[in-house]
């Protein structure tokens, strides 16, 4: 019979029994996945997607951002932000409009309904955080925060160094093209090698 354990239980098994000393990056990713899933379950009860939650959080703190600024703060590509804003506009959470000083830029503003979601959704996120750290000593939480902030700082500095050295992140489309070219070259070489 197939196991019906939730994905998070499989992750716990993985870390406790299968590979307890795997890389820290994987542990952080799995912790993030667990936090996200717990919040998604709660947001779904209010018909709010996790993607919309990301943008709502930003706009609650900085209403009236351009789509580009919103994309940068969310760490997402502009087409993703554009699609999300259209959906959020249809749901009545945001209003997109141009400002008189700039006819090109589109700004996102929360509607009263979007503002009101803050009082409903933020307590859900706080609940998830409390669940996540239940049984953890306050000094351990403080040490973990300090460690994670240091890691973020170190990785941001590394990114700046890499970008200064002419490295850059290719777009998904560009990366796909590179992979296709590499596979095509590999296939041609394989055919030539087989014909010897």
C-alpha atoms as a PDB file:
ATOM      1  CA  UNK A   1       0.000   0.000   0.000  1.00  0.00           C
ATOM      2  CA  UNK A   2       1.268   3.460  -0.939  1.00  0.00           C
ATOM      3  CA  UNK A   3       2.242   5.790   1.928  1.00  0.00           C
ATOM      4  CA  UNK A   4      -0.005   8.800   2.414  1.00  0.00           C
ATOM      5  CA  UNK A   5       2.430  10.690   4.671  1.00  0.00           C
ATOM      6  CA  UNK A   6       2.492  14.438   4.058  1.00  0.00           C
ATOM      7  CA  UNK A   7       5.513  15.742   2.195  1.00  0.00           C
ATOM      8  CA  UNK A   8       6.829  17.383   5.344  1.00  0.00           C
ATOM      9  CA  UNK A   9       6.938  13.997   7.105  1.00  0.00           C
ATOM     10  CA  UNK A  10       9.065  12.633   4.275  1.00  0.00           C
ATOM     11  CA  UNK A  11      11.397  15.605   4.668  1.00  0.00           C
ATOM     12  CA  UNK A  12      11.720  14.974   8.412  1.00  0.00           C
ATOM     13  CA  UNK A  13      12.563  11.322   7.715  1.00  0.00           C
ATOM     14  CA  UNK A  14      15.115  12.423   5.120  1.00  0.00           C
ATOM     15  CA  UNK A  15      16.927  14.701   7.583  1.00  0.00           C
ATOM     16  CA  UNK A  16      16.706  12.516  10.675  1.00  0.00           C
ATOM     17  CA  UNK A  17      17.494   9.151   9.099  1.00  0.00           C
ATOM     18  CA  UNK A  18      18.592   9.248   5.466  1.00  0.00           C
ATOM     19  CA  UNK A  19      21.102  12.114   5.249  1.00  0.00           C
ATOM     20  CA  UNK A  20      21.406  13.896   8.600  1.00  0.00           C
ATOM     21  CA  UNK A  21      24.596  15.687   7.496  1.00  0.00           C
ATOM     22  CA  UNK A  22      23.479  16.926   4.076  1.00  0.00           C
ATOM     23  CA  UNK A  23      24.334  20.492   3.023  1.00  0.00           C
ATOM     24  CA  UNK A  24      22.911  23.453   4.922  1.00  0.00           C
ATOM     25  CA  UNK A  25      21.386  24.873   1.716  1.00  0.00           C
ATOM     26  CA  UNK A  26      19.127  21.813   1.453  1.00  0.00           C
ATOM     27  CA  UNK A  27      18.101  22.080   5.103  1.00  0.00           C
ATOM     28  CA  UNK A  28      17.163  25.744   4.665  1.00  0.00           C
ATOM     29  CA  UNK A  29      15.236  24.932   1.480  1.00  0.00           C
ATOM     30  CA  UNK A  30      13.259  22.211   3.249  1.00  0.00           C
ATOM     31  CA  UNK A  31      12.544  24.470   6.239  1.00  0.00           C
ATOM     32  CA  UNK A  32      11.330  27.150   3.831  1.00  0.00           C
ATOM     33  CA  UNK A  33       9.159  24.615   2.041  1.00  0.00           C
ATOM     34  CA  UNK A  34       7.598  23.540   5.356  1.00  0.00           C
ATOM     35  CA  UNK A  35       6.921  27.134   6.386  1.00  0.00           C
ATOM     36  CA  UNK A  36       5.444  27.923   2.962  1.00  0.00           C
ATOM     37  CA  UNK A  37       3.172  24.882   2.964  1.00  0.00           C
ATOM     38  CA  UNK A  38       1.897  25.641   6.468  1.00  0.00           C
ATOM     39  CA  UNK A  39       1.092  29.212   5.442  1.00  0.00           C
ATOM     40  CA  UNK A  40      -0.451  28.124   2.118  1.00  0.00           C
ATOM     41  CA  UNK A  41      -2.870  25.856   3.987  1.00  0.00           C
ATOM     42  CA  UNK A  42      -4.019  28.822   6.045  1.00  0.00           C
ATOM     43  CA  UNK A  43      -4.126  31.341   3.188  1.00  0.00           C
ATOM     44  CA  UNK A  44      -6.234  28.961   1.099  1.00  0.00           C
ATOM     45  CA  UNK A  45      -8.999  29.182   3.702  1.00  0.00           C
ATOM     46  CA  UNK A  46      -9.236  32.879   2.772  1.00  0.00           C
ATOM     47  CA  UNK A  47      -8.871  32.286  -0.993  1.00  0.00           C
ATOM     48  CA  UNK A  48      -5.479  33.992  -1.117  1.00  0.00           C
ATOM     49  CA  UNK A  49      -2.647  32.380  -3.046  1.00  0.00           C
ATOM     50  CA  UNK A  50       0.883  32.253  -1.682  1.00  0.00           C
ATOM     51  CA  UNK A  51       2.055  34.306  -4.659  1.00  0.00           C
ATOM     52  CA  UNK A  52      -0.422  37.060  -3.825  1.00  0.00           C
ATOM     53  CA  UNK A  53       0.668  36.942  -0.175  1.00  0.00           C
ATOM     54  CA  UNK A  54       4.195  37.886  -1.291  1.00  0.00           C
ATOM     55  CA  UNK A  55       2.976  41.013  -3.075  1.00  0.00           C
ATOM     56  CA  UNK A  56       0.472  41.956  -0.383  1.00  0.00           C
ATOM     57  CA  UNK A  57       3.215  41.884   2.284  1.00  0.00           C
ATOM     58  CA  UNK A  58       5.341  44.266   0.246  1.00  0.00           C
ATOM     59  CA  UNK A  59       2.474  46.634  -0.542  1.00  0.00           C
ATOM     60  CA  UNK A  60       1.309  46.737   3.087  1.00  0.00           C
ATOM     61  CA  UNK A  61       4.686  48.253   3.913  1.00  0.00           C
ATOM     62  CA  UNK A  62       5.205  50.316   0.719  1.00  0.00           C
ATOM     63  CA  UNK A  63       1.968  51.007  -1.115  1.00  0.00           C
ATOM     64  CA  UNK A  64       2.157  52.612  -4.556  1.00  0.00           C
ATOM     65  CA  UNK A  65       5.205  50.855  -6.003  1.00  0.00           C
ATOM     66  CA  UNK A  66       5.931  50.495  -9.688  1.00  0.00           C
ATOM     67  CA  UNK A  67       5.656  47.009 -11.140  1.00  0.00           C
ATOM     68  CA  UNK A  68       9.454  46.993 -11.547  1.00  0.00           C
ATOM     69  CA  UNK A  69      10.063  47.971  -7.894  1.00  0.00           C
ATOM     70  CA  UNK A  70       7.579  45.354  -6.779  1.00  0.00           C
ATOM     71  CA  UNK A  71       9.340  42.724  -8.904  1.00  0.00           C
ATOM     72  CA  UNK A  72      12.725  43.612  -7.443  1.00  0.00           C
ATOM     73  CA  UNK A  73      11.487  43.518  -3.853  1.00  0.00           C
ATOM     74  CA  UNK A  74       9.730  40.193  -4.427  1.00  0.00           C
ATOM     75  CA  UNK A  75      12.744  38.759  -6.263  1.00  0.00           C
ATOM     76  CA  UNK A  76      10.586  37.821  -9.245  1.00  0.00           C
ATOM     77  CA  UNK A  77      10.621  38.554 -12.958  1.00  0.00           C
ATOM     78  CA  UNK A  78       8.437  41.415 -14.189  1.00  0.00           C
ATOM     79  CA  UNK A  79       6.128  39.209 -16.300  1.00  0.00           C
ATOM     80  CA  UNK A  80       5.335  37.177 -13.149  1.00  0.00           C
ATOM     81  CA  UNK A  81       4.576  40.364 -11.238  1.00  0.00           C
ATOM     82  CA  UNK A  82       2.438  41.676 -14.089  1.00  0.00           C
ATOM     83  CA  UNK A  83       0.349  38.480 -14.163  1.00  0.00           C
ATOM     84  CA  UNK A  84      -0.064  38.481 -10.395  1.00  0.00           C
ATOM     85  CA  UNK A  85      -1.118  42.128 -10.347  1.00  0.00           C
ATOM     86  CA  UNK A  86      -3.734  41.515 -13.047  1.00  0.00           C
ATOM     87  CA  UNK A  87      -5.178  38.635 -11.003  1.00  0.00           C
ATOM     88  CA  UNK A  88      -5.065  40.670  -7.792  1.00  0.00           C
ATOM     89  CA  UNK A  89      -6.793  43.550  -9.558  1.00  0.00           C
ATOM     90  CA  UNK A  90      -9.593  41.200 -10.685  1.00  0.00           C
ATOM     91  CA  UNK A  91      -9.931  40.026  -7.065  1.00  0.00           C
ATOM     92  CA  UNK A  92     -10.209  43.617  -5.881  1.00  0.00           C
ATOM     93  CA  UNK A  93      -6.962  43.638  -3.845  1.00  0.00           C
ATOM     94  CA  UNK A  94      -5.035  46.195  -5.889  1.00  0.00           C
ATOM     95  CA  UNK A  95      -5.560  48.942  -8.389  1.00  0.00           C
ATOM     96  CA  UNK A  96      -2.993  49.574 -11.110  1.00  0.00           C
ATOM     97  CA  UNK A  97      -2.686  53.124 -12.368  1.00  0.00           C
ATOM     98  CA  UNK A  98      -0.331  55.584 -13.982  1.00  0.00           C
ATOM     99  CA  UNK A  99       0.781  58.750 -12.234  1.00  0.00           C
ATOM    100  CA  UNK A 100       0.534  62.171 -13.907  1.00  0.00           C
ATOM    101  CA  UNK A 101       4.333  62.617 -13.735  1.00  0.00           C
ATOM    102  CA  UNK A 102       5.026  59.390 -15.644  1.00  0.00           C
ATOM    103  CA  UNK A 103       2.753  58.004 -18.322  1.00  0.00           C
ATOM    104  CA  UNK A 104       4.959  54.924 -18.844  1.00  0.00           C
ATOM    105  CA  UNK A 105       5.222  53.537 -15.332  1.00  0.00           C
ATOM    106  CA  UNK A 106       2.351  51.573 -13.820  1.00  0.00           C
ATOM    107  CA  UNK A 107       1.965  51.752 -10.048  1.00  0.00           C
ATOM    108  CA  UNK A 108       0.217  49.241  -7.797  1.00  0.00           C
ATOM    109  CA  UNK A 109      -1.966  50.542  -4.968  1.00  0.00           C
ATOM    110  CA  UNK A 110      -3.875  48.493  -2.442  1.00  0.00           C
ATOM    111  CA  UNK A 111      -7.636  48.855  -2.401  1.00  0.00           C
ATOM    112  CA  UNK A 112      -9.519  49.001   0.913  1.00  0.00           C
ATOM    113  CA  UNK A 113     -10.101  45.253   0.482  1.00  0.00           C
ATOM    114  CA  UNK A 114      -6.352  44.677   0.003  1.00  0.00           C
ATOM    115  CA  UNK A 115      -5.562  46.736   3.098  1.00  0.00           C
ATOM    116  CA  UNK A 116      -8.177  44.849   5.149  1.00  0.00           C
ATOM    117  CA  UNK A 117      -6.526  41.489   4.347  1.00  0.00           C
ATOM    118  CA  UNK A 118      -3.563  42.500   6.502  1.00  0.00           C
ATOM    119  CA  UNK A 119      -5.557  42.098   9.722  1.00  0.00           C
ATOM    120  CA  UNK A 120      -6.719  38.661   8.600  1.00  0.00           C
ATOM    121  CA  UNK A 121      -3.551  37.215   7.068  1.00  0.00           C
ATOM    122  CA  UNK A 122      -0.684  38.519   9.208  1.00  0.00           C
ATOM    123  CA  UNK A 123      -1.915  36.619  12.291  1.00  0.00           C
ATOM    124  CA  UNK A 124      -1.836  33.438  10.186  1.00  0.00           C
ATOM    125  CA  UNK A 125       1.832  34.012   9.322  1.00  0.00           C
ATOM    126  CA  UNK A 126       2.595  34.741  12.969  1.00  0.00           C
ATOM    127  CA  UNK A 127       0.876  31.488  13.928  1.00  0.00           C
ATOM    128  CA  UNK A 128       3.040  29.539  11.464  1.00  0.00           C
ATOM    129  CA  UNK A 129       6.175  31.130  12.899  1.00  0.00           C
ATOM    130  CA  UNK A 130       5.113  30.223  16.434  1.00  0.00           C
ATOM    131  CA  UNK A 131       4.460  26.633  15.385  1.00  0.00           C
ATOM    132  CA  UNK A 132       7.836  26.438  13.645  1.00  0.00           C
ATOM    133  CA  UNK A 133       9.833  27.527  16.687  1.00  0.00           C
ATOM    134  CA  UNK A 134       7.788  25.724  19.342  1.00  0.00           C
ATOM    135  CA  UNK A 135      10.185  24.147  21.836  1.00  0.00           C
ATOM    136  CA  UNK A 136      13.200  26.102  20.581  1.00  0.00           C
ATOM    137  CA  UNK A 137      15.045  28.164  23.196  1.00  0.00           C
ATOM    138  CA  UNK A 138      14.908  31.959  22.601  1.00  0.00           C
ATOM    139  CA  UNK A 139      18.734  32.162  22.485  1.00  0.00           C
ATOM    140  CA  UNK A 140      18.783  29.452  19.779  1.00  0.00           C
ATOM    141  CA  UNK A 141      16.231  31.434  17.738  1.00  0.00           C
ATOM    142  CA  UNK A 142      18.364  34.550  18.136  1.00  0.00           C
ATOM    143  CA  UNK A 143      21.506  32.651  17.073  1.00  0.00           C
ATOM    144  CA  UNK A 144      19.704  31.184  14.058  1.00  0.00           C
ATOM    145  CA  UNK A 145      18.505  34.641  12.986  1.00  0.00           C
ATOM    146  CA  UNK A 146      22.019  36.026  13.330  1.00  0.00           C
ATOM    147  CA  UNK A 147      23.453  33.117  11.333  1.00  0.00           C
ATOM    148  CA  UNK A 148      20.873  33.431   8.542  1.00  0.00           C
ATOM    149  CA  UNK A 149      21.325  37.209   8.293  1.00  0.00           C
ATOM    150  CA  UNK A 150      25.096  36.723   8.067  1.00  0.00           C
ATOM    151  CA  UNK A 151      24.613  34.115   5.345  1.00  0.00           C
ATOM    152  CA  UNK A 152      22.331  36.483   3.412  1.00  0.00           C
ATOM    153  CA  UNK A 153      24.929  39.255   3.734  1.00  0.00           C
ATOM    154  CA  UNK A 154      27.779  36.960   2.642  1.00  0.00           C
ATOM    155  CA  UNK A 155      25.835  35.676  -0.358  1.00  0.00           C
ATOM    156  CA  UNK A 156      24.821  39.212  -1.396  1.00  0.00           C
ATOM    157  CA  UNK A 157      28.487  40.266  -1.255  1.00  0.00           C
ATOM    158  CA  UNK A 158      29.435  37.212  -3.327  1.00  0.00           C
ATOM    159  CA  UNK A 159      26.769  38.069  -5.900  1.00  0.00           C
ATOM    160  CA  UNK A 160      28.165  41.593  -6.228  1.00  0.00           C
ATOM    161  CA  UNK A 161      31.659  40.153  -6.718  1.00  0.00           C
ATOM    162  CA  UNK A 162      30.409  37.713  -9.347  1.00  0.00           C
ATOM    163  CA  UNK A 163      28.482  40.408 -11.208  1.00  0.00           C
ATOM    164  CA  UNK A 164      31.514  42.734 -11.125  1.00  0.00           C
ATOM    165  CA  UNK A 165      33.501  39.890 -12.699  1.00  0.00           C
ATOM    166  CA  UNK A 166      31.084  39.919 -15.661  1.00  0.00           C
ATOM    167  CA  UNK A 167      29.088  36.898 -14.512  1.00  0.00           C
ATOM    168  CA  UNK A 168      25.335  37.295 -14.715  1.00  0.00           C
ATOM    169  CA  UNK A 169      22.170  35.303 -14.292  1.00  0.00           C
ATOM    170  CA  UNK A 170      20.782  34.375 -17.703  1.00  0.00           C
ATOM    171  CA  UNK A 171      17.051  34.568 -18.307  1.00  0.00           C
ATOM    172  CA  UNK A 172      15.142  31.283 -18.312  1.00  0.00           C
ATOM    173  CA  UNK A 173      14.780  31.556 -22.095  1.00  0.00           C
ATOM    174  CA  UNK A 174      18.513  32.156 -22.575  1.00  0.00           C
ATOM    175  CA  UNK A 175      19.427  29.262 -20.287  1.00  0.00           C
ATOM    176  CA  UNK A 176      17.039  26.965 -22.162  1.00  0.00           C
ATOM    177  CA  UNK A 177      18.679  27.954 -25.466  1.00  0.00           C
ATOM    178  CA  UNK A 178      22.123  27.196 -24.043  1.00  0.00           C
ATOM    179  CA  UNK A 179      20.973  23.769 -22.875  1.00  0.00           C
ATOM    180  CA  UNK A 180      19.383  22.984 -26.263  1.00  0.00           C
ATOM    181  CA  UNK A 181      22.587  24.006 -28.085  1.00  0.00           C
ATOM    182  CA  UNK A 182      24.718  21.873 -25.746  1.00  0.00           C
ATOM    183  CA  UNK A 183      22.426  18.864 -26.206  1.00  0.00           C
ATOM    184  CA  UNK A 184      22.426  19.323 -29.973  1.00  0.00           C
ATOM    185  CA  UNK A 185      26.233  19.520 -30.033  1.00  0.00           C
ATOM    186  CA  UNK A 186      26.492  16.428 -27.832  1.00  0.00           C
ATOM    187  CA  UNK A 187      24.100  14.522 -30.130  1.00  0.00           C
ATOM    188  CA  UNK A 188      26.113  15.479 -33.251  1.00  0.00           C
ATOM    189  CA  UNK A 189      29.379  14.416 -31.593  1.00  0.00           C
ATOM    190  CA  UNK A 190      27.781  11.150 -30.540  1.00  0.00           C
ATOM    191  CA  UNK A 191      26.694  10.445 -34.131  1.00  0.00           C
ATOM    192  CA  UNK A 192      30.143  11.286 -35.482  1.00  0.00           C
ATOM    193  CA  UNK A 193      31.777   9.043 -32.846  1.00  0.00           C
ATOM    194  CA  UNK A 194      29.395   6.176 -33.661  1.00  0.00           C
ATOM    195  CA  UNK A 195      30.203   6.482 -37.371  1.00  0.00           C
ATOM    196  CA  UNK A 196      33.929   5.804 -36.904  1.00  0.00           C
END
